[in-house]
Amino acid sequence: MAKLANEEQLIREAQADQSKFSLLYRHYFEQIYYFLLAKIRNEADAEDLTAITFAKALNNLKKYKEGNFRAWLYRIANNTFLDFVRKENRISHDEEQMMNLEDTRSEDASETVDKAMMLDKVKSVMKTLPEKYQSVLSLKYFSDMSNGEIAEMLNCRENNVAVQLHRGVKMLTELLNNN
């Protein structure tokens, strides 16, 4: 989803008057919810984590400095998810989305079966990748974030993200080819 045309102005207004935050909430709610749902694979937990994410964002909005609001919001969502995982001792399941299956409603049933089998293979291989590679691959390919947004979210340099993406794809490809 594209950035709001007057996002920086809306953020400044929301910093002064919290009731203005609702426009930002409505714009980003679906993105954050699906990001968390892909990670946690449970609708109720994703709803709870989304609510917590926006509550944290609202409570910390005065601390937000100009930059990339979307990346800032995703960082809060990711940290909220990590807190939940640590607290609940759960694991992430977003690896099943690692394959971008364009259309599983294909008329060719054998093609659908082949894609499903490949997805299972990717799922099992993804579990072997270090978490940092799983995270950047997920943000890049499932949340459609740019390298710059990922870098801002993860609090690292953009070239580090590019290196992690390259290494993650390379590792995944090598593991898939060896299986």
N, C-alpha and C. Protein backbone atom coordinates (compact mmCIF):
# COMPACT_ATOMS: atom_id res chain seq x y z
N MET A 1 0.84 -1.17 0.00
CA MET A 1 0.00 0.00 0.00
C MET A 1 0.89 1.23 0.00
N ALA A 2 0.50 2.22 -0.75
CA ALA A 2 1.30 3.42 -0.91
C ALA A 2 1.26 4.30 0.35
N LYS A 3 2.25 5.12 0.46
CA LYS A 3 2.34 6.07 1.55
C LYS A 3 1.22 7.11 1.38
N LEU A 4 0.66 7.55 2.47
CA LEU A 4 -0.34 8.60 2.42
C LEU A 4 0.26 9.87 1.85
N ALA A 5 -0.50 10.58 1.05
CA ALA A 5 0.01 11.78 0.38
C ALA A 5 0.45 12.83 1.40
N ASN A 6 -0.29 13.00 2.44
CA ASN A 6 0.01 14.03 3.44
C ASN A 6 0.40 13.41 4.78
N GLU A 7 1.12 12.29 4.71
CA GLU A 7 1.43 11.52 5.90
C GLU A 7 2.19 12.31 6.96
N GLU A 8 3.22 13.00 6.59
CA GLU A 8 4.01 13.75 7.57
C GLU A 8 3.15 14.80 8.28
N GLN A 9 2.27 15.43 7.54
CA GLN A 9 1.37 16.41 8.15
C GLN A 9 0.40 15.72 9.12
N LEU A 10 -0.14 14.58 8.71
CA LEU A 10 -1.04 13.82 9.58
C LEU A 10 -0.34 13.38 10.86
N ILE A 11 0.91 13.00 10.73
CA ILE A 11 1.68 12.57 11.90
C ILE A 11 1.86 13.75 12.85
N ARG A 12 2.23 14.90 12.31
CA ARG A 12 2.39 16.09 13.17
C ARG A 12 1.07 16.45 13.86
N GLU A 13 -0.04 16.35 13.13
CA GLU A 13 -1.35 16.64 13.71
C GLU A 13 -1.69 15.62 14.80
N ALA A 14 -1.39 14.36 14.55
CA ALA A 14 -1.67 13.31 15.54
C ALA A 14 -0.78 13.45 16.77
N GLN A 15 0.42 13.98 16.59
CA GLN A 15 1.30 14.21 17.74
C GLN A 15 0.71 15.29 18.64
N ALA A 16 0.01 16.24 18.02
CA ALA A 16 -0.61 17.32 18.79
C ALA A 16 -2.00 16.92 19.31
N ASP A 17 -2.72 16.11 18.54
CA ASP A 17 -4.08 15.70 18.89
C ASP A 17 -4.25 14.23 18.55
N GLN A 18 -4.28 13.38 19.57
CA GLN A 18 -4.30 11.93 19.36
C GLN A 18 -5.51 11.45 18.56
N SER A 19 -6.57 12.20 18.52
CA SER A 19 -7.74 11.77 17.75
C SER A 19 -7.45 11.73 16.25
N LYS A 20 -6.43 12.45 15.80
CA LYS A 20 -6.04 12.45 14.38
C LYS A 20 -5.29 11.17 13.99
N PHE A 21 -4.91 10.38 14.99
CA PHE A 21 -4.19 9.13 14.73
C PHE A 21 -5.06 8.12 13.98
N SER A 22 -6.37 8.27 14.06
CA SER A 22 -7.28 7.29 13.45
C SER A 22 -7.07 7.16 11.94
N LEU A 23 -6.70 8.25 11.27
CA LEU A 23 -6.44 8.17 9.83
C LEU A 23 -5.22 7.30 9.54
N LEU A 24 -4.20 7.44 10.33
CA LEU A 24 -3.01 6.61 10.17
C LEU A 24 -3.33 5.16 10.50
N TYR A 25 -4.11 4.97 11.55
CA TYR A 25 -4.53 3.64 11.96
C TYR A 25 -5.29 2.94 10.83
N ARG A 26 -6.27 3.61 10.26
CA ARG A 26 -7.07 3.02 9.18
C ARG A 26 -6.21 2.69 7.96
N HIS A 27 -5.25 3.55 7.68
CA HIS A 27 -4.40 3.33 6.51
C HIS A 27 -3.48 2.12 6.68
N TYR A 28 -2.92 1.94 7.87
CA TYR A 28 -1.92 0.90 8.09
C TYR A 28 -2.43 -0.36 8.79
N PHE A 29 -3.66 -0.33 9.27
CA PHE A 29 -4.17 -1.46 10.04
C PHE A 29 -4.04 -2.79 9.29
N GLU A 30 -4.55 -2.83 8.08
CA GLU A 30 -4.56 -4.09 7.32
C GLU A 30 -3.15 -4.61 7.07
N GLN A 31 -2.23 -3.72 6.72
CA GLN A 31 -0.84 -4.13 6.47
C GLN A 31 -0.21 -4.75 7.71
N ILE A 32 -0.39 -4.09 8.84
CA ILE A 32 0.21 -4.57 10.09
C ILE A 32 -0.45 -5.87 10.52
N TYR A 33 -1.77 -5.93 10.40
CA TYR A 33 -2.49 -7.15 10.78
C TYR A 33 -1.99 -8.34 9.96
N TYR A 34 -1.92 -8.20 8.65
CA TYR A 34 -1.49 -9.33 7.81
C TYR A 34 -0.01 -9.67 8.00
N PHE A 35 0.79 -8.67 8.29
CA PHE A 35 2.19 -8.91 8.62
C PHE A 35 2.28 -9.81 9.86
N LEU A 36 1.52 -9.46 10.88
CA LEU A 36 1.55 -10.23 12.12
C LEU A 36 0.87 -11.59 11.94
N LEU A 37 -0.20 -11.64 11.19
CA LEU A 37 -0.88 -12.91 10.94
C LEU A 37 0.06 -13.89 10.22
N ALA A 38 0.83 -13.40 9.28
CA ALA A 38 1.77 -14.26 8.57
C ALA A 38 2.82 -14.80 9.51
N LYS A 39 3.18 -14.03 10.52
CA LYS A 39 4.19 -14.48 11.46
C LYS A 39 3.62 -15.43 12.51
N ILE A 40 2.44 -15.13 13.02
CA ILE A 40 1.90 -15.87 14.16
C ILE A 40 0.93 -16.98 13.76
N ARG A 41 0.31 -16.85 12.59
CA ARG A 41 -0.60 -17.86 12.04
C ARG A 41 -1.79 -18.15 12.94
N ASN A 42 -2.26 -17.15 13.66
CA ASN A 42 -3.42 -17.29 14.52
C ASN A 42 -4.16 -15.95 14.50
N GLU A 43 -5.39 -15.95 14.02
CA GLU A 43 -6.13 -14.70 13.83
C GLU A 43 -6.33 -13.93 15.13
N ALA A 44 -6.71 -14.62 16.19
CA ALA A 44 -6.96 -13.94 17.47
C ALA A 44 -5.68 -13.29 17.99
N ASP A 45 -4.57 -14.03 17.93
CA ASP A 45 -3.30 -13.46 18.38
C ASP A 45 -2.86 -12.31 17.49
N ALA A 46 -3.08 -12.44 16.19
CA ALA A 46 -2.72 -11.36 15.26
C ALA A 46 -3.53 -10.10 15.56
N GLU A 47 -4.79 -10.27 15.85
CA GLU A 47 -5.64 -9.12 16.21
C GLU A 47 -5.13 -8.46 17.49
N ASP A 48 -4.82 -9.29 18.49
CA ASP A 48 -4.30 -8.75 19.75
C ASP A 48 -2.99 -8.01 19.54
N LEU A 49 -2.08 -8.63 18.79
CA LEU A 49 -0.77 -8.01 18.55
C LEU A 49 -0.90 -6.73 17.73
N THR A 50 -1.85 -6.70 16.80
CA THR A 50 -2.09 -5.49 16.01
C THR A 50 -2.58 -4.37 16.93
N ALA A 51 -3.50 -4.69 17.81
CA ALA A 51 -4.01 -3.68 18.76
C ALA A 51 -2.88 -3.17 19.65
N ILE A 52 -2.05 -4.08 20.13
CA ILE A 52 -0.92 -3.68 20.97
C ILE A 52 0.04 -2.80 20.19
N THR A 53 0.30 -3.17 18.94
CA THR A 53 1.20 -2.39 18.09
C THR A 53 0.72 -0.96 17.95
N PHE A 54 -0.56 -0.78 17.63
CA PHE A 54 -1.08 0.57 17.44
C PHE A 54 -1.16 1.33 18.76
N ALA A 55 -1.41 0.63 19.85
CA ALA A 55 -1.41 1.29 21.16
C ALA A 55 -0.01 1.80 21.48
N LYS A 56 1.00 0.98 21.21
CA LYS A 56 2.39 1.40 21.44
C LYS A 56 2.75 2.57 20.53
N ALA A 57 2.32 2.50 19.27
CA ALA A 57 2.61 3.59 18.33
C ALA A 57 1.97 4.89 18.81
N LEU A 58 0.73 4.80 19.23
CA LEU A 58 0.04 6.00 19.72
C LEU A 58 0.72 6.55 20.96
N ASN A 59 1.07 5.68 21.88
CA ASN A 59 1.72 6.12 23.12
C ASN A 59 3.11 6.72 22.89
N ASN A 60 3.76 6.30 21.81
CA ASN A 60 5.11 6.78 21.52
C ASN A 60 5.17 7.73 20.34
N LEU A 61 4.04 8.18 19.87
CA LEU A 61 3.99 9.02 18.68
C LEU A 61 4.79 10.32 18.84
N LYS A 62 4.79 10.87 20.03
CA LYS A 62 5.55 12.11 20.25
C LYS A 62 7.05 11.89 20.11
N LYS A 63 7.50 10.65 20.28
CA LYS A 63 8.92 10.32 20.13
C LYS A 63 9.32 10.10 18.68
N TYR A 64 8.32 9.91 17.80
CA TYR A 64 8.61 9.66 16.39
C TYR A 64 9.23 10.92 15.77
N LYS A 65 10.34 10.70 15.10
CA LYS A 65 11.01 11.78 14.37
C LYS A 65 10.72 11.59 12.89
N GLU A 66 10.78 12.66 12.13
CA GLU A 66 10.51 12.54 10.69
C GLU A 66 11.37 11.45 10.09
N GLY A 67 10.78 10.73 9.18
CA GLY A 67 11.46 9.61 8.53
C GLY A 67 10.44 8.74 7.85
N ASN A 68 10.58 7.47 8.00
CA ASN A 68 9.68 6.52 7.37
C ASN A 68 8.73 5.96 8.43
N PHE A 69 7.53 6.49 8.47
CA PHE A 69 6.54 6.08 9.47
C PHE A 69 6.19 4.61 9.33
N ARG A 70 6.06 4.15 8.10
CA ARG A 70 5.71 2.75 7.85
C ARG A 70 6.75 1.82 8.45
N ALA A 71 8.02 2.11 8.23
CA ALA A 71 9.09 1.28 8.78
C ALA A 71 9.07 1.34 10.31
N TRP A 72 8.81 2.52 10.87
CA TRP A 72 8.73 2.69 12.31
C TRP A 72 7.61 1.82 12.88
N LEU A 73 6.47 1.83 12.21
CA LEU A 73 5.31 1.04 12.64
C LEU A 73 5.59 -0.46 12.53
N TYR A 74 6.23 -0.87 11.44
CA TYR A 74 6.60 -2.28 11.28
C TYR A 74 7.61 -2.71 12.35
N ARG A 75 8.50 -1.82 12.72
CA ARG A 75 9.48 -2.16 13.76
C ARG A 75 8.75 -2.40 15.09
N ILE A 76 7.77 -1.56 15.38
CA ILE A 76 6.97 -1.75 16.60
C ILE A 76 6.23 -3.09 16.52
N ALA A 77 5.64 -3.38 15.37
CA ALA A 77 4.92 -4.64 15.19
C ALA A 77 5.84 -5.84 15.35
N ASN A 78 7.01 -5.77 14.74
CA ASN A 78 7.96 -6.87 14.85
C ASN A 78 8.43 -7.06 16.28
N ASN A 79 8.73 -5.97 16.98
CA ASN A 79 9.15 -6.07 18.37
C ASN A 79 8.03 -6.61 19.25
N THR A 80 6.80 -6.21 18.96
CA THR A 80 5.64 -6.73 19.69
C THR A 80 5.53 -8.23 19.46
N PHE A 81 5.71 -8.65 18.23
CA PHE A 81 5.69 -10.08 17.91
C PHE A 81 6.79 -10.81 18.67
N LEU A 82 8.01 -10.29 18.64
CA LEU A 82 9.13 -10.94 19.32
C LEU A 82 8.88 -11.04 20.82
N ASP A 83 8.32 -9.99 21.42
CA ASP A 83 7.97 -10.03 22.84
C ASP A 83 6.96 -11.15 23.11
N PHE A 84 5.98 -11.25 22.24
CA PHE A 84 4.95 -12.29 22.37
C PHE A 84 5.56 -13.68 22.26
N VAL A 85 6.44 -13.86 21.27
CA VAL A 85 7.08 -15.16 21.07
C VAL A 85 7.90 -15.54 22.30
N ARG A 86 8.66 -14.58 22.80
CA ARG A 86 9.48 -14.86 23.99
C ARG A 86 8.59 -15.21 25.18
N LYS A 87 7.52 -14.44 25.34
CA LYS A 87 6.63 -14.65 26.47
C LYS A 87 5.89 -15.98 26.35
N GLU A 88 5.41 -16.30 25.19
CA GLU A 88 4.62 -17.50 24.97
C GLU A 88 5.47 -18.71 24.58
N ASN A 89 6.77 -18.47 24.36
CA ASN A 89 7.69 -19.52 23.92
C ASN A 89 7.17 -20.20 22.65
N ARG A 90 6.76 -19.36 21.68
CA ARG A 90 6.25 -19.85 20.41
C ARG A 90 7.26 -19.59 19.32
N ILE A 91 7.04 -20.18 18.15
CA ILE A 91 7.93 -19.96 17.02
C ILE A 91 7.17 -19.31 15.88
N SER A 92 7.89 -18.69 14.98
CA SER A 92 7.32 -18.02 13.81
C SER A 92 7.00 -19.03 12.73
N HIS A 93 5.90 -18.78 12.01
CA HIS A 93 5.51 -19.69 10.94
C HIS A 93 5.38 -18.98 9.59
N ASP A 94 6.03 -17.86 9.41
CA ASP A 94 5.85 -17.14 8.15
C ASP A 94 6.61 -17.78 6.99
N GLU A 95 7.38 -18.84 7.27
CA GLU A 95 8.13 -19.46 6.19
C GLU A 95 7.24 -20.08 5.13
N GLU A 96 6.01 -20.43 5.48
CA GLU A 96 5.18 -21.06 4.47
C GLU A 96 4.79 -20.09 3.37
N GLN A 97 4.93 -18.80 3.63
CA GLN A 97 4.65 -17.83 2.59
C GLN A 97 5.89 -17.50 1.77
N MET A 98 6.99 -18.16 2.06
CA MET A 98 8.24 -17.85 1.38
C MET A 98 8.12 -18.03 -0.12
N MET A 99 7.35 -19.01 -0.55
CA MET A 99 7.11 -19.19 -1.98
C MET A 99 6.00 -18.24 -2.38
N ASN A 100 6.20 -17.47 -3.38
CA ASN A 100 5.14 -16.59 -3.85
C ASN A 100 4.34 -17.35 -4.90
N LEU A 101 3.35 -18.08 -4.40
CA LEU A 101 2.51 -18.85 -5.31
C LEU A 101 1.51 -17.89 -5.92
N GLU A 102 1.68 -17.63 -7.21
CA GLU A 102 0.89 -16.60 -7.86
C GLU A 102 -0.59 -16.91 -7.86
N ASP A 103 -0.96 -18.13 -8.25
CA ASP A 103 -2.39 -18.45 -8.32
C ASP A 103 -2.57 -19.93 -8.12
N THR A 104 -2.95 -20.31 -6.90
CA THR A 104 -3.13 -21.72 -6.61
C THR A 104 -4.46 -22.24 -7.13
N ARG A 105 -5.26 -21.36 -7.72
CA ARG A 105 -6.53 -21.80 -8.30
C ARG A 105 -6.36 -22.17 -9.75
N SER A 106 -5.18 -22.55 -10.12
CA SER A 106 -4.88 -22.90 -11.50
C SER A 106 -5.80 -24.00 -12.00
N GLU A 107 -6.14 -23.91 -13.28
CA GLU A 107 -6.98 -24.95 -13.89
C GLU A 107 -6.22 -26.26 -13.97
N ASP A 108 -4.91 -26.21 -13.99
CA ASP A 108 -4.09 -27.41 -14.10
C ASP A 108 -3.80 -27.95 -12.69
N ALA A 109 -4.50 -29.00 -12.31
CA ALA A 109 -4.37 -29.55 -10.96
C ALA A 109 -2.95 -30.03 -10.67
N SER A 110 -2.27 -30.58 -11.66
CA SER A 110 -0.92 -31.07 -11.41
C SER A 110 0.04 -29.91 -11.11
N GLU A 111 -0.21 -28.77 -11.74
CA GLU A 111 0.61 -27.59 -11.45
C GLU A 111 0.40 -27.14 -10.00
N THR A 112 -0.84 -27.18 -9.53
CA THR A 112 -1.15 -26.80 -8.16
C THR A 112 -0.49 -27.76 -7.19
N VAL A 113 -0.54 -29.05 -7.49
CA VAL A 113 0.09 -30.05 -6.63
C VAL A 113 1.60 -29.83 -6.60
N ASP A 114 2.19 -29.55 -7.75
CA ASP A 114 3.63 -29.29 -7.81
C ASP A 114 4.00 -28.08 -6.96
N LYS A 115 3.20 -27.04 -7.05
CA LYS A 115 3.47 -25.83 -6.25
C LYS A 115 3.33 -26.13 -4.76
N ALA A 116 2.32 -26.90 -4.39
CA ALA A 116 2.12 -27.25 -2.99
C ALA A 116 3.28 -28.08 -2.46
N MET A 117 3.78 -29.00 -3.28
CA MET A 117 4.92 -29.82 -2.88
C MET A 117 6.17 -28.95 -2.72
N MET A 118 6.35 -28.00 -3.63
CA MET A 118 7.49 -27.09 -3.53
C MET A 118 7.36 -26.22 -2.28
N LEU A 119 6.15 -25.78 -1.98
CA LEU A 119 5.92 -24.99 -0.78
C LEU A 119 6.30 -25.78 0.47
N ASP A 120 5.92 -27.04 0.53
CA ASP A 120 6.29 -27.88 1.66
C ASP A 120 7.81 -27.99 1.79
N LYS A 121 8.46 -28.13 0.66
CA LYS A 121 9.92 -28.23 0.65
C LYS A 121 10.55 -26.93 1.14
N VAL A 122 10.03 -25.80 0.67
CA VAL A 122 10.54 -24.50 1.09
C VAL A 122 10.29 -24.30 2.59
N LYS A 123 9.13 -24.70 3.07
CA LYS A 123 8.82 -24.58 4.50
C LYS A 123 9.84 -25.31 5.36
N SER A 124 10.15 -26.53 4.96
CA SER A 124 11.09 -27.29 5.77
C SER A 124 12.49 -26.70 5.70
N VAL A 125 12.88 -26.21 4.54
CA VAL A 125 14.21 -25.61 4.38
C VAL A 125 14.28 -24.26 5.12
N MET A 126 13.20 -23.48 5.08
CA MET A 126 13.19 -22.18 5.76
C MET A 126 13.46 -22.31 7.24
N LYS A 127 13.00 -23.40 7.83
CA LYS A 127 13.20 -23.61 9.27
C LYS A 127 14.67 -23.74 9.62
N THR A 128 15.50 -24.06 8.64
CA THR A 128 16.92 -24.23 8.90
C THR A 128 17.71 -22.94 8.75
N LEU A 129 17.10 -21.93 8.13
CA LEU A 129 17.80 -20.65 7.95
C LEU A 129 17.84 -19.89 9.27
N PRO A 130 18.92 -19.14 9.49
CA PRO A 130 18.96 -18.29 10.67
C PRO A 130 17.81 -17.26 10.63
N GLU A 131 17.32 -16.90 11.79
CA GLU A 131 16.17 -15.99 11.92
C GLU A 131 16.38 -14.68 11.16
N LYS A 132 17.62 -14.15 11.17
CA LYS A 132 17.84 -12.86 10.50
C LYS A 132 17.55 -12.96 9.01
N TYR A 133 17.84 -14.09 8.39
CA TYR A 133 17.55 -14.25 6.97
C TYR A 133 16.06 -14.46 6.74
N GLN A 134 15.43 -15.22 7.63
CA GLN A 134 13.99 -15.41 7.52
C GLN A 134 13.28 -14.05 7.61
N SER A 135 13.72 -13.21 8.53
CA SER A 135 13.07 -11.90 8.73
C SER A 135 13.20 -11.00 7.52
N VAL A 136 14.41 -10.83 7.00
CA VAL A 136 14.57 -9.91 5.87
C VAL A 136 13.87 -10.44 4.62
N LEU A 137 13.90 -11.76 4.41
CA LEU A 137 13.20 -12.33 3.25
C LEU A 137 11.70 -12.12 3.39
N SER A 138 11.17 -12.31 4.57
CA SER A 138 9.74 -12.12 4.81
C SER A 138 9.33 -10.67 4.60
N LEU A 139 10.10 -9.75 5.15
CA LEU A 139 9.77 -8.33 5.00
C LEU A 139 9.85 -7.89 3.54
N LYS A 140 10.84 -8.37 2.84
CA LYS A 140 11.03 -7.98 1.44
C LYS A 140 9.95 -8.56 0.55
N TYR A 141 9.68 -9.84 0.68
CA TYR A 141 8.81 -10.51 -0.28
C TYR A 141 7.36 -10.64 0.16
N PHE A 142 7.07 -10.54 1.46
CA PHE A 142 5.69 -10.67 1.91
C PHE A 142 5.09 -9.34 2.31
N SER A 143 5.91 -8.46 2.85
CA SER A 143 5.40 -7.17 3.27
C SER A 143 5.73 -6.09 2.25
N ASP A 144 6.39 -6.49 1.18
CA ASP A 144 6.68 -5.58 0.06
C ASP A 144 7.40 -4.32 0.52
N MET A 145 8.36 -4.50 1.41
CA MET A 145 9.12 -3.35 1.92
C MET A 145 10.39 -3.19 1.10
N SER A 146 10.80 -1.95 0.96
CA SER A 146 12.06 -1.67 0.28
C SER A 146 13.22 -2.00 1.22
N ASN A 147 14.42 -2.09 0.67
CA ASN A 147 15.60 -2.33 1.51
C ASN A 147 15.77 -1.21 2.53
N GLY A 148 15.47 0.00 2.12
CA GLY A 148 15.59 1.14 3.03
C GLY A 148 14.61 1.04 4.19
N GLU A 149 13.39 0.63 3.91
CA GLU A 149 12.40 0.47 4.97
C GLU A 149 12.78 -0.65 5.92
N ILE A 150 13.29 -1.74 5.37
CA ILE A 150 13.73 -2.86 6.20
C ILE A 150 14.89 -2.42 7.09
N ALA A 151 15.82 -1.69 6.51
CA ALA A 151 16.97 -1.20 7.28
C ALA A 151 16.52 -0.30 8.43
N GLU A 152 15.58 0.57 8.14
CA GLU A 152 15.09 1.47 9.18
C GLU A 152 14.37 0.67 10.27
N MET A 153 13.58 -0.31 9.85
CA MET A 153 12.86 -1.13 10.81
C MET A 153 13.79 -1.93 11.70
N LEU A 154 14.82 -2.52 11.09
CA LEU A 154 15.76 -3.37 11.83
C LEU A 154 16.90 -2.58 12.45
N ASN A 155 16.89 -1.28 12.20
CA ASN A 155 17.91 -0.39 12.78
C ASN A 155 19.32 -0.78 12.32
N CYS A 156 19.46 -0.94 11.01
CA CYS A 156 20.76 -1.25 10.43
C CYS A 156 20.92 -0.49 9.11
N ARG A 157 22.04 -0.65 8.45
CA ARG A 157 22.28 0.05 7.20
C ARG A 157 21.64 -0.69 6.04
N GLU A 158 21.27 0.05 5.02
CA GLU A 158 20.59 -0.52 3.85
C GLU A 158 21.46 -1.55 3.14
N ASN A 159 22.76 -1.30 3.07
CA ASN A 159 23.63 -2.28 2.41
C ASN A 159 23.71 -3.58 3.22
N ASN A 160 23.54 -3.51 4.54
CA ASN A 160 23.48 -4.73 5.35
C ASN A 160 22.25 -5.56 4.99
N VAL A 161 21.13 -4.88 4.76
CA VAL A 161 19.90 -5.56 4.36
C VAL A 161 20.11 -6.25 3.02
N ALA A 162 20.72 -5.54 2.08
CA ALA A 162 20.96 -6.11 0.75
C ALA A 162 21.85 -7.35 0.86
N VAL A 163 22.85 -7.31 1.71
CA VAL A 163 23.74 -8.45 1.89
C VAL A 163 22.98 -9.62 2.52
N GLN A 164 22.16 -9.32 3.54
CA GLN A 164 21.38 -10.38 4.18
C GLN A 164 20.38 -11.00 3.20
N LEU A 165 19.75 -10.17 2.37
CA LEU A 165 18.83 -10.69 1.36
C LEU A 165 19.56 -11.60 0.39
N HIS A 166 20.69 -11.12 -0.08
CA HIS A 166 21.49 -11.92 -1.03
C HIS A 166 21.90 -13.25 -0.42
N ARG A 167 22.43 -13.19 0.80
CA ARG A 167 22.88 -14.42 1.46
C ARG A 167 21.70 -15.35 1.77
N GLY A 168 20.58 -14.77 2.21
CA GLY A 168 19.40 -15.58 2.52
C GLY A 168 18.86 -16.30 1.29
N VAL A 169 18.76 -15.58 0.18
CA VAL A 169 18.29 -16.20 -1.06
C VAL A 169 19.28 -17.26 -1.52
N LYS A 170 20.56 -16.95 -1.43
CA LYS A 170 21.59 -17.91 -1.84
C LYS A 170 21.54 -19.17 -1.00
N MET A 171 21.43 -19.00 0.33
CA MET A 171 21.36 -20.15 1.22
C MET A 171 20.10 -20.98 0.93
N LEU A 172 18.98 -20.30 0.76
CA LEU A 172 17.74 -21.00 0.49
C LEU A 172 17.82 -21.78 -0.82
N THR A 173 18.36 -21.14 -1.85
CA THR A 173 18.50 -21.79 -3.15
C THR A 173 19.41 -23.01 -3.06
N GLU A 174 20.56 -22.85 -2.38
CA GLU A 174 21.49 -23.96 -2.23
C GLU A 174 20.86 -25.12 -1.46
N LEU A 175 20.16 -24.80 -0.40
CA LEU A 175 19.51 -25.85 0.38
C LEU A 175 18.42 -26.55 -0.41
N LEU A 176 17.68 -25.79 -1.17
CA LEU A 176 16.62 -26.39 -2.00
C LEU A 176 17.21 -27.27 -3.09
N ASN A 177 18.31 -26.84 -3.67
CA ASN A 177 18.96 -27.63 -4.73
C ASN A 177 19.59 -28.91 -4.18
N ASN A 178 20.01 -28.88 -2.93
CA ASN A 178 20.65 -30.06 -2.32
C ASN A 178 19.64 -31.07 -1.80
N ASN A 179 18.39 -30.67 -1.66
CA ASN A 179 17.36 -31.59 -1.14
C ASN A 179 16.72 -32.35 -2.24
